[in-house]
Amino acid sequence: MGWLQDYPRKYYAKYEPVKVENDQGWFSVYRLPGDVYAIAEPQQFQEVNFFLICGRDRALLLDTGMGICPSRPLIEELYPGEIITVNCHCHFDHVGCNADFQPVYVYDDPVAKRIAARGLTKEDVGPEVDEDMFQFGPPEGFVPEEYKVNPYQIIPMEDGHIFDLGDRRVQVVHTPGHTNDHICLYEPGAGIFFTGDLAYLGAMYTHFDNEIMGTGDLITYRDTMKKLVSELPEDTVFYCSHNDLVMEYPKFKEIAEAFDQVVEAEYHGKGASRKEGPAAKGHDYGEAVEPDIFEFDGFSIFTKPVAAE
């Protein structure tokens, strides 16, 4: 697979690494401005990142990782005090260790509630834990056939919910499009916006439509991005849940504009050009319809063909 090349990614050199005892040979930790730790899982296809936002009285953990290795020992090493946990959405690569941090704040959505109640299995995640999804094969002790996300207790939350960490306040922003339960976190005082799966340098998905991945929507996604571009200050810094850790406002705006081009292509036959050929194995989430793929500078957008709706 192409993603197995160029490891480790060059962009990690931009960030301050943190030496920890509980990385298990799997996690990489970086200290970001604003007293935030980024915890990366760079050895698996998703290249997911999750974040620990440290406050005076408590810390806020955005997502818990894939569940391939336990993340609780690492998080407690980084912050020994009270930890509040929130999910940006209910996909497997963000909720893997939720049971070790429960109860977890999730957006008040039926799909998110169902996933929390039932958990997830190897069958649910398809090829994501196959051997070729790992840079160096599965880590020691991990058995792909036995992969599961245990059920976890939740606290439903709404748009606008505020997490008070003592000396900083972090706001929940409902950002549907990737999934209906998707939220981002925004800390106006620090100018930091945590994007979750809304925007990053990589493949962004609008085409989901099943019981495990929930439902995405291209128009809703476009509208969410347009709204954020109009409301967020231009000095906002974006901390991203996949691939490179940090994005600046101009790139975020560029992604928003790309969604306009994709909408034009799908609904009016002009704008962005579709990529030829099927998606790579790592982008297979069990959808009945092969997605259209639109490639841009450093990112791509997957969407369900309008004719298939």
Protein backbone atom coordinates (compact mmCIF):
# COMPACT_ATOMS: atom_id res chain seq x y z
CA MET A 1 0.00 0.00 0.00
CA GLY A 2 1.19 3.51 -0.79
CA TRP A 3 0.69 4.77 2.73
CA LEU A 4 3.46 2.45 3.96
CA GLN A 5 6.04 4.70 2.30
CA ASP A 6 7.80 7.73 3.80
CA TYR A 7 7.70 6.60 7.43
CA PRO A 8 8.00 8.39 9.77
CA ARG A 9 6.14 11.34 8.29
CA LYS A 10 8.31 14.42 7.86
CA TYR A 11 5.72 16.74 9.38
CA TYR A 12 6.28 15.29 12.87
CA ALA A 13 9.69 17.01 12.89
CA LYS A 14 7.86 20.35 13.28
CA TYR A 15 6.59 19.44 16.74
CA GLU A 16 8.11 18.99 20.18
CA PRO A 17 8.24 15.27 21.06
CA VAL A 18 7.48 14.20 24.63
CA LYS A 19 9.29 11.21 26.10
CA VAL A 20 6.93 8.95 28.01
CA GLU A 21 7.20 5.56 29.68
CA ASN A 22 3.80 4.26 28.61
CA ASP A 23 4.00 4.66 24.83
CA GLN A 24 4.05 0.83 24.47
CA GLY A 25 6.03 1.24 21.28
CA TRP A 26 2.80 2.39 19.67
CA PHE A 27 1.89 5.95 20.65
CA SER A 28 3.85 9.10 19.85
CA VAL A 29 3.28 12.20 21.98
CA TYR A 30 3.86 15.83 21.02
CA ARG A 31 3.48 19.03 23.02
CA LEU A 32 1.51 21.69 21.14
CA PRO A 33 1.06 25.38 21.98
CA GLY A 34 -1.75 26.06 24.42
CA ASP A 35 -0.78 23.35 26.94
CA VAL A 36 -2.12 20.59 24.71
CA TYR A 37 -0.70 17.12 24.16
CA ALA A 38 -1.28 15.41 20.81
CA ILE A 39 -1.19 11.63 21.00
CA ALA A 40 -0.62 10.02 17.60
CA GLU A 41 -0.98 6.43 16.38
CA PRO A 42 1.22 6.70 13.27
CA GLN A 43 1.73 2.97 12.69
CA GLN A 44 -1.83 2.25 11.50
CA PHE A 45 -3.51 3.34 8.27
CA GLN A 46 -5.83 5.85 9.97
CA GLU A 47 -2.89 7.77 11.47
CA VAL A 48 -5.28 9.06 14.08
CA ASN A 49 -4.49 11.77 16.64
CA PHE A 50 -6.27 12.49 19.89
CA PHE A 51 -5.73 15.38 22.29
CA LEU A 52 -5.32 16.11 25.98
CA ILE A 53 -6.21 19.70 26.85
CA CYS A 54 -4.70 20.48 30.24
CA GLY A 55 -6.35 22.89 32.64
CA ARG A 56 -5.67 24.07 36.18
CA ASP A 57 -8.39 21.95 37.78
CA ARG A 58 -8.94 19.18 35.25
CA ALA A 59 -8.06 18.07 31.74
CA LEU A 60 -10.24 17.40 28.73
CA LEU A 61 -9.47 14.34 26.59
CA LEU A 62 -10.77 14.52 23.03
CA ASP A 63 -11.16 10.86 21.93
CA THR A 64 -9.41 7.79 23.31
CA GLY A 65 -7.63 6.21 20.33
CA MET A 66 -8.22 3.12 18.24
CA GLY A 67 -8.17 0.57 21.04
CA ILE A 68 -5.24 -1.34 19.53
CA CYS A 69 -3.16 -0.51 22.62
CA PRO A 70 -4.62 0.83 25.90
CA SER A 71 -4.31 4.61 26.15
CA ARG A 72 -5.29 5.10 29.81
CA PRO A 73 -1.78 4.50 31.27
CA LEU A 74 -0.31 7.07 28.89
CA ILE A 75 -2.98 9.70 29.60
CA GLU A 76 -2.57 9.29 33.36
CA GLU A 77 1.19 9.69 32.97
CA LEU A 78 0.66 12.98 31.12
CA TYR A 79 -2.02 14.29 33.51
CA PRO A 80 -2.52 12.62 36.91
CA GLY A 81 -5.59 14.67 37.87
CA GLU A 82 -9.28 14.63 36.91
CA ILE A 83 -9.94 13.86 33.25
CA ILE A 84 -13.16 14.57 31.35
CA THR A 85 -13.52 12.60 28.12
CA VAL A 86 -15.44 13.62 25.00
CA ASN A 87 -15.75 12.07 21.54
CA CYS A 88 -15.75 14.10 18.34
CA HIS A 89 -17.93 11.31 16.88
CA CYS A 90 -18.58 7.60 17.28
CA HIS A 91 -16.26 6.05 14.66
CA PHE A 92 -14.06 3.16 15.78
CA ASP A 93 -10.75 5.01 15.48
CA HIS A 94 -11.88 7.62 18.02
CA VAL A 95 -13.71 5.51 20.62
CA GLY A 96 -11.46 2.45 20.93
CA CYS A 97 -10.55 2.91 24.60
CA ASN A 98 -13.75 4.65 25.72
CA ALA A 99 -14.62 1.92 28.23
CA ASP A 100 -11.46 2.84 30.18
CA PHE A 101 -12.57 6.48 30.47
CA GLN A 102 -16.34 6.19 30.89
CA PRO A 103 -18.64 7.98 31.15
CA VAL A 104 -17.82 9.75 27.89
CA TYR A 105 -19.52 12.89 26.59
CA VAL A 106 -21.02 12.30 23.13
CA TYR A 107 -23.34 14.35 20.95
CA ASP A 108 -26.98 13.47 21.60
CA ASP A 109 -27.54 11.32 18.52
CA PRO A 110 -29.16 7.86 18.07
CA VAL A 111 -26.22 6.34 16.17
CA ALA A 112 -23.72 7.47 18.82
CA LYS A 113 -25.97 6.04 21.55
CA ARG A 114 -26.34 2.73 19.72
CA ILE A 115 -22.59 2.32 19.21
CA ALA A 116 -21.98 3.10 22.89
CA ALA A 117 -24.52 0.48 23.96
CA ARG A 118 -23.34 -2.34 21.67
CA GLY A 119 -19.64 -1.62 21.16
CA LEU A 120 -17.86 -2.70 17.99
CA THR A 121 -16.29 -5.90 16.67
CA LYS A 122 -13.67 -6.92 14.13
CA GLU A 123 -16.49 -7.56 11.67
CA ASP A 124 -17.73 -3.99 12.12
CA VAL A 125 -14.40 -2.40 11.19
CA GLY A 126 -13.77 -4.57 8.13
CA PRO A 127 -10.17 -4.53 6.86
CA GLU A 128 -8.97 -1.82 9.25
CA VAL A 129 -7.03 -4.18 11.51
CA ASP A 130 -5.72 -6.51 8.80
CA GLU A 131 -1.95 -6.96 8.85
CA ASP A 132 -1.33 -4.68 5.87
CA MET A 133 -3.02 -1.80 7.71
CA PHE A 134 0.05 -1.58 9.98
CA GLN A 135 3.48 -0.16 9.18
CA PHE A 136 5.30 -3.00 10.97
CA GLY A 137 2.52 -5.52 11.47
CA PRO A 138 0.22 -5.53 14.52
CA PRO A 139 1.91 -4.63 17.82
CA GLU A 140 2.95 -7.41 20.18
CA GLY A 141 -0.01 -8.84 22.06
CA PHE A 142 -2.63 -7.52 19.65
CA VAL A 143 -4.74 -10.18 17.91
CA PRO A 144 -6.63 -8.64 14.96
CA GLU A 145 -9.37 -11.31 14.96
CA GLU A 146 -10.16 -10.44 18.59
CA TYR A 147 -10.36 -6.68 18.09
CA LYS A 148 -13.35 -5.09 19.79
CA VAL A 149 -14.54 -1.85 21.31
CA ASN A 150 -16.33 -2.61 24.56
CA PRO A 151 -19.65 -0.88 25.31
CA TYR A 152 -19.29 2.32 27.31
CA GLN A 153 -21.43 4.68 29.37
CA ILE A 154 -22.16 8.11 27.92
CA ILE A 155 -23.32 11.57 28.88
CA PRO A 156 -25.29 13.15 25.99
CA MET A 157 -24.36 16.75 25.18
CA GLU A 158 -25.65 19.47 22.88
CA ASP A 159 -24.17 22.19 20.69
CA GLY A 160 -22.76 25.00 22.81
CA HIS A 161 -21.91 22.86 25.85
CA ILE A 162 -19.01 24.37 27.82
CA PHE A 163 -16.28 22.36 29.52
CA ASP A 164 -14.78 24.39 32.39
CA LEU A 165 -11.20 23.30 33.11
CA GLY A 166 -10.69 25.93 35.81
CA ASP A 167 -8.55 28.39 33.91
CA ARG A 168 -9.87 27.71 30.43
CA ARG A 169 -13.25 27.10 28.83
CA VAL A 170 -13.76 24.82 25.83
CA GLN A 171 -16.94 24.94 23.75
CA VAL A 172 -18.71 22.16 21.84
CA VAL A 173 -19.57 23.05 18.23
CA HIS A 174 -21.94 20.69 16.39
CA THR A 175 -20.44 20.17 12.93
CA PRO A 176 -22.53 17.64 10.93
CA GLY A 177 -21.56 16.41 7.46
CA HIS A 178 -19.02 13.67 8.09
CA THR A 179 -21.59 12.16 10.46
CA ASN A 180 -24.59 13.71 12.12
CA ASP A 181 -23.09 13.27 15.60
CA HIS A 182 -19.83 15.02 14.74
CA ILE A 183 -18.65 17.83 16.99
CA CYS A 184 -15.56 19.99 17.18
CA LEU A 185 -14.09 21.75 20.21
CA TYR A 186 -13.31 25.45 20.21
CA GLU A 187 -11.36 27.44 22.75
CA PRO A 188 -11.82 31.10 21.78
CA GLY A 189 -9.45 32.34 24.48
CA ALA A 190 -6.56 30.37 22.99
CA GLY A 191 -7.67 30.59 19.36
CA ILE A 192 -7.60 26.80 19.02
CA PHE A 193 -10.18 24.79 17.08
CA PHE A 194 -10.04 20.99 17.34
CA THR A 195 -11.36 19.69 14.02
CA GLY A 196 -11.95 15.99 14.71
CA ASP A 197 -12.68 14.44 11.31
CA LEU A 198 -14.17 17.61 9.87
CA ALA A 199 -10.99 18.91 8.21
CA TYR A 200 -7.40 17.74 7.94
CA LEU A 201 -4.77 16.96 5.31
CA GLY A 202 -6.00 13.61 4.05
CA ALA A 203 -9.18 11.92 2.86
CA MET A 204 -12.41 13.46 4.15
CA TYR A 205 -15.58 11.40 3.91
CA THR A 206 -19.15 12.55 3.25
CA HIS A 207 -20.51 9.29 1.82
CA PHE A 208 -21.27 7.11 4.87
CA ASP A 209 -24.69 5.51 5.02
CA ASN A 210 -24.81 2.46 7.27
CA GLU A 211 -25.53 1.41 10.85
CA ILE A 212 -21.89 1.37 11.96
CA MET A 213 -20.52 4.53 10.35
CA GLY A 214 -23.73 6.56 10.47
CA THR A 215 -24.81 8.96 7.75
CA GLY A 216 -22.83 11.70 6.04
CA ASP A 217 -24.08 14.38 3.69
CA LEU A 218 -22.16 16.47 1.18
CA ILE A 219 -24.42 19.54 1.28
CA THR A 220 -24.52 19.57 5.08
CA TYR A 221 -20.73 19.21 5.19
CA ARG A 222 -20.29 22.11 2.74
CA ASP A 223 -22.64 24.29 4.79
CA THR A 224 -20.83 23.45 8.03
CA MET A 225 -17.47 24.41 6.56
CA LYS A 226 -18.84 27.62 5.03
CA LYS A 227 -20.35 28.66 8.36
CA LEU A 228 -17.10 28.09 10.24
CA VAL A 229 -15.03 30.04 7.72
CA SER A 230 -17.38 32.99 8.13
CA GLU A 231 -17.35 32.86 11.93
CA LEU A 232 -13.84 31.88 13.01
CA PRO A 233 -11.11 34.54 13.24
CA GLU A 234 -8.35 34.27 10.65
CA ASP A 235 -5.73 33.72 13.38
CA THR A 236 -7.48 30.51 14.51
CA VAL A 237 -5.20 27.47 14.61
CA PHE A 238 -6.69 24.05 13.83
CA TYR A 239 -5.60 20.89 15.67
CA CYS A 240 -6.48 17.91 13.48
CA SER A 241 -7.43 14.32 14.33
CA HIS A 242 -5.62 12.67 11.40
CA ASN A 243 -2.20 12.99 9.80
CA ASP A 244 -0.44 16.35 10.31
CA LEU A 245 -1.30 17.74 13.73
CA VAL A 246 -1.82 21.43 12.96
CA MET A 247 -3.46 23.36 10.14
CA GLU A 248 -3.58 27.12 9.59
CA TYR A 249 -6.65 29.13 8.62
CA PRO A 250 -5.80 29.55 4.89
CA LYS A 251 -5.73 25.77 4.38
CA PHE A 252 -8.97 25.35 6.31
CA LYS A 253 -10.56 27.97 4.04
CA GLU A 254 -9.15 26.18 0.99
CA ILE A 255 -10.83 22.95 2.09
CA ALA A 256 -14.13 24.79 2.56
CA GLU A 257 -13.88 26.19 -0.95
CA ALA A 258 -13.09 22.72 -2.30
CA PHE A 259 -16.41 21.49 -0.92
CA ASP A 260 -18.13 24.14 -3.03
CA GLN A 261 -16.35 22.75 -6.09
CA VAL A 262 -17.40 19.19 -5.28
CA VAL A 263 -21.03 20.24 -4.86
CA GLU A 264 -20.86 21.96 -8.24
CA ALA A 265 -19.41 18.82 -9.83
CA GLU A 266 -21.95 16.43 -8.33
CA TYR A 267 -25.06 18.54 -8.84
CA HIS A 268 -24.22 20.70 -11.86
CA GLY A 269 -21.56 18.78 -13.77
CA LYS A 270 -18.85 21.42 -13.40
CA GLY A 271 -16.17 22.34 -10.87
CA ALA A 272 -13.84 19.67 -9.48
CA SER A 273 -12.76 16.60 -11.46
CA ARG A 274 -13.32 13.06 -10.22
CA LYS A 275 -10.39 10.76 -9.61
CA GLU A 276 -10.29 7.71 -11.83
CA GLY A 277 -10.19 4.24 -10.30
CA PRO A 278 -11.43 2.70 -7.05
CA ALA A 279 -10.49 3.77 -3.55
CA ALA A 280 -7.64 1.97 -1.76
CA LYS A 281 -8.45 -0.86 0.64
CA GLY A 282 -8.05 1.34 3.71
CA HIS A 283 -10.97 3.48 2.54
CA ASP A 284 -13.38 0.53 2.38
CA TYR A 285 -16.07 1.01 5.02
CA GLY A 286 -18.63 -1.41 3.67
CA GLU A 287 -20.65 1.09 1.65
CA ALA A 288 -22.95 -0.34 -1.00
CA VAL A 289 -22.02 2.38 -3.50
CA GLU A 290 -18.47 3.15 -4.60
CA PRO A 291 -17.77 6.80 -3.70
CA ASP A 292 -16.72 9.55 -6.05
CA ILE A 293 -13.26 10.84 -5.10
CA PHE A 294 -12.06 14.40 -5.69
CA GLU A 295 -8.37 15.15 -5.15
CA PHE A 296 -6.94 18.53 -4.20
CA ASP A 297 -3.62 19.87 -2.90
CA GLY A 298 -2.88 17.69 0.12
CA PHE A 299 -6.40 16.42 0.69
CA SER A 300 -9.30 14.64 -0.98
CA ILE A 301 -13.07 14.48 -0.60
CA PHE A 302 -15.12 11.29 -0.87
CA THR A 303 -18.83 11.58 -1.62
CA LYS A 304 -21.71 9.37 -2.63
CA PRO A 305 -22.60 9.90 -6.32
CA VAL A 306 -25.74 11.99 -6.56
CA ALA A 307 -27.18 9.59 -9.15
CA ALA A 308 -27.00 6.81 -6.57
CA GLU A 309 -29.17 8.64 -4.05
